[in-house]
């Protein structure tokens, strides 16, 4: 897990994965653009997220899993706002339910062929 703090430049509430772009100042004082990937809109909206959950200009800290390439990209696990409130990902039971629903639809489509 890694932690980065910075300012949101854009939040895209979309499928298959929501995306957030943010400016982070590194140790040398250089501003580096980071990309944060989330679950999709369906999963996030199931736990109360909207397109307005994160706003450009907001100062946040993101905790997540880095890419294996070492680029400035991560998959989100938790966001902490400047006031200390937290945004969390879709609950695991919600993700499991969504995956099961997708499997069932795929089975139905295959049976219709």
Foldseek 3Di string as FASTA:
>chain_A
DDKFKFFWAAWAQAPQWTKTWTWGQDPVRDTDIAIEIEHHNVQQVVVPDDRVNHDGGFIKMFDFADDPVPDRYGYTAWIAGPVGDIDGGRDPVSVVVVVVVVVVVVVVVVVVD
